[in-house]
Amino acid sequence: MANSEIPEFEKGCVIFLIAGMELAINVKTLYRIINPLEDLSIENSINIEKNFLVIDHEEIPFINLYELYKVGSPVHSEDIRIITVHNEEYKSAFYVEKVKEFISLNTKNFFPSEFISITDRPFIKGKLLFNDRSVFIPDFDRILAEV
């Protein structure tokens, strides 16, 4: 069902890939993008078996979006990244195949034509249609309820 109420992205969004699917998160919630091949040190480590990422001595839940979206496992390549998101309610980290682009609302590149709400697809709020593209918006409230 088409809806003209486009979600607020305030300053912009980060578009990333999961199994080739483009997803977007509000840049306001983005805490850090980590290259696991270069950026991990003693202060920043991953313990996937225990489902958490340690950044600056703080444990952050590690969410396997590939498993939740039922799209296999992340492909280990030089483009793989870990995105950490923080807001007042949650902190979490997840693998992505690639951080594709940053879109600022202050540029002419971001012209969403409409938002389509999706209720029958787990862990997806909906999708933005813009520039002949569909970009999915993850539902982090539902994602974190499952973890």
Protein backbone atom coordinates (compact mmCIF):
# COMPACT_ATOMS: atom_id res chain seq x y z
CA MET A 1 0.00 0.00 0.00
CA ALA A 2 1.51 3.32 -1.07
CA ASN A 3 1.88 5.98 1.57
CA SER A 4 3.01 9.55 1.12
CA GLU A 5 4.40 9.75 4.67
CA ILE A 6 8.10 9.30 4.03
CA PRO A 7 10.03 8.35 7.20
CA GLU A 8 12.17 11.11 8.65
CA PHE A 9 15.82 10.66 7.90
CA GLU A 10 16.71 14.10 9.28
CA LYS A 11 20.27 14.59 8.00
CA GLY A 12 20.41 11.67 5.59
CA CYS A 13 20.84 7.93 5.36
CA VAL A 14 23.42 5.23 4.81
CA ILE A 15 22.59 2.66 2.15
CA PHE A 16 24.13 -0.78 2.58
CA LEU A 17 23.79 -4.22 1.02
CA ILE A 18 22.60 -7.47 2.56
CA ALA A 19 22.50 -10.34 0.05
CA GLY A 20 22.34 -7.77 -2.73
CA MET A 21 19.29 -6.06 -1.17
CA GLU A 22 19.66 -2.31 -0.58
CA LEU A 23 18.68 -1.15 2.90
CA ALA A 24 18.89 2.28 4.52
CA ILE A 25 19.37 3.51 8.06
CA ASN A 26 19.07 7.00 9.43
CA VAL A 27 22.52 8.56 9.57
CA LYS A 28 21.56 9.97 12.99
CA THR A 29 21.63 6.46 14.48
CA LEU A 30 24.91 5.49 12.81
CA TYR A 31 27.66 5.18 15.41
CA ARG A 32 30.50 3.60 13.51
CA ILE A 33 31.40 1.68 10.37
CA ILE A 34 34.13 -0.86 11.01
CA ASN A 35 36.30 -2.64 8.48
CA PRO A 36 36.81 -5.97 10.30
CA LEU A 37 39.97 -6.62 8.27
CA GLU A 38 41.66 -3.43 9.51
CA ASP A 39 39.91 -1.67 12.38
CA LEU A 40 39.82 -4.27 15.14
CA SER A 41 42.28 -4.03 17.98
CA ILE A 42 42.43 -5.13 21.62
CA GLU A 43 39.94 -2.39 22.55
CA ASN A 44 37.61 -3.37 19.70
CA SER A 45 36.95 -7.05 19.25
CA ILE A 46 34.25 -9.40 18.00
CA ASN A 47 32.99 -12.49 19.73
CA ILE A 48 30.41 -13.79 17.26
CA GLU A 49 29.88 -17.05 19.14
CA LYS A 50 28.58 -15.06 22.11
CA ASN A 51 26.72 -12.62 19.82
CA PHE A 52 28.36 -9.41 20.85
CA LEU A 53 30.87 -6.88 19.65
CA VAL A 54 33.13 -5.10 22.11
CA ILE A 55 33.86 -1.46 21.31
CA ASP A 56 35.79 0.65 23.80
CA HIS A 57 35.21 -2.02 26.47
CA GLU A 58 31.43 -2.02 25.97
CA GLU A 59 29.52 -5.10 24.81
CA ILE A 60 27.12 -4.34 21.96
CA PRO A 61 24.64 -7.00 20.78
CA PHE A 62 25.66 -8.43 17.42
CA ILE A 63 22.65 -9.12 15.22
CA ASN A 64 22.82 -11.51 12.30
CA LEU A 65 20.58 -9.73 9.78
CA TYR A 66 21.35 -12.41 7.20
CA GLU A 67 19.76 -15.01 9.44
CA LEU A 68 16.77 -12.81 10.29
CA TYR A 69 16.14 -12.00 6.62
CA LYS A 70 16.77 -15.67 5.70
CA VAL A 71 19.32 -14.81 3.01
CA GLY A 72 22.28 -17.01 3.93
CA SER A 73 25.53 -15.79 5.42
CA PRO A 74 27.61 -12.69 4.81
CA VAL A 75 30.11 -13.09 2.01
CA HIS A 76 33.58 -12.48 3.41
CA SER A 77 35.26 -10.04 1.10
CA GLU A 78 37.33 -6.91 1.37
CA ASP A 79 34.09 -4.86 1.14
CA ILE A 80 32.40 -6.43 4.20
CA ARG A 81 31.75 -3.97 7.02
CA ILE A 82 30.28 -3.95 10.50
CA ILE A 83 27.80 -1.17 11.14
CA THR A 84 27.03 -0.12 14.70
CA VAL A 85 23.91 1.88 15.42
CA HIS A 86 23.02 3.73 18.61
CA ASN A 87 19.98 5.65 19.72
CA GLU A 88 18.25 6.24 23.05
CA GLU A 89 16.68 2.77 23.06
CA TYR A 90 19.27 0.42 21.66
CA LYS A 91 22.81 -0.26 20.53
CA SER A 92 23.54 -2.98 18.06
CA ALA A 93 26.03 -4.13 15.45
CA PHE A 94 25.63 -6.14 12.26
CA TYR A 95 27.54 -7.33 9.21
CA VAL A 96 26.80 -5.88 5.80
CA GLU A 97 28.23 -6.91 2.43
CA LYS A 98 29.10 -3.36 1.57
CA VAL A 99 28.37 0.21 2.58
CA LYS A 100 27.16 1.47 -0.74
CA GLU A 101 26.62 5.19 -0.22
CA PHE A 102 25.82 8.05 2.10
CA ILE A 103 22.93 10.24 1.03
CA SER A 104 22.56 13.69 2.54
CA LEU A 105 19.16 15.33 2.61
CA ASN A 106 20.95 18.57 1.77
CA THR A 107 21.86 17.34 -1.71
CA LYS A 108 19.76 17.00 -4.83
CA ASN A 109 20.46 13.24 -4.93
CA PHE A 110 17.79 12.26 -2.40
CA PHE A 111 14.30 12.59 -3.86
CA PRO A 112 12.10 9.88 -2.41
CA SER A 113 8.86 9.78 -4.34
CA GLU A 114 6.94 7.73 -1.80
CA PHE A 115 7.16 5.31 1.10
CA ILE A 116 5.46 1.95 0.83
CA SER A 117 4.67 0.35 4.16
CA ILE A 118 5.36 -3.39 4.33
CA THR A 119 3.60 -5.40 7.02
CA ASP A 120 3.93 -8.94 5.68
CA ARG A 121 7.72 -9.08 5.54
CA PRO A 122 9.47 -9.72 8.86
CA PHE A 123 11.91 -7.08 10.06
CA ILE A 124 11.19 -4.61 7.22
CA LYS A 125 9.17 -1.43 7.88
CA GLY A 126 8.79 -0.61 4.24
CA LYS A 127 10.63 0.71 1.26
CA LEU A 128 11.47 4.09 -0.14
CA LEU A 129 11.08 4.62 -3.85
CA PHE A 130 13.46 7.15 -5.32
CA ASN A 131 15.55 7.65 -8.43
CA ASP A 132 14.11 4.44 -9.95
CA ARG A 133 15.28 2.46 -6.91
CA SER A 134 13.64 0.62 -4.04
CA VAL A 135 15.52 0.88 -0.77
CA PHE A 136 14.23 -1.15 2.19
CA ILE A 137 13.98 0.28 5.70
CA PRO A 138 14.81 -2.24 8.47
CA ASP A 139 12.45 -2.43 11.46
CA PHE A 140 14.96 -2.34 14.32
CA ASP A 141 12.20 -2.44 16.96
CA ARG A 142 11.12 -5.87 15.71
CA ILE A 143 14.71 -6.98 15.11
CA LEU A 144 15.76 -6.22 18.67
CA ALA A 145 12.62 -7.88 20.08
CA GLU A 146 13.81 -11.14 18.49
CA VAL A 147 17.37 -10.96 19.83
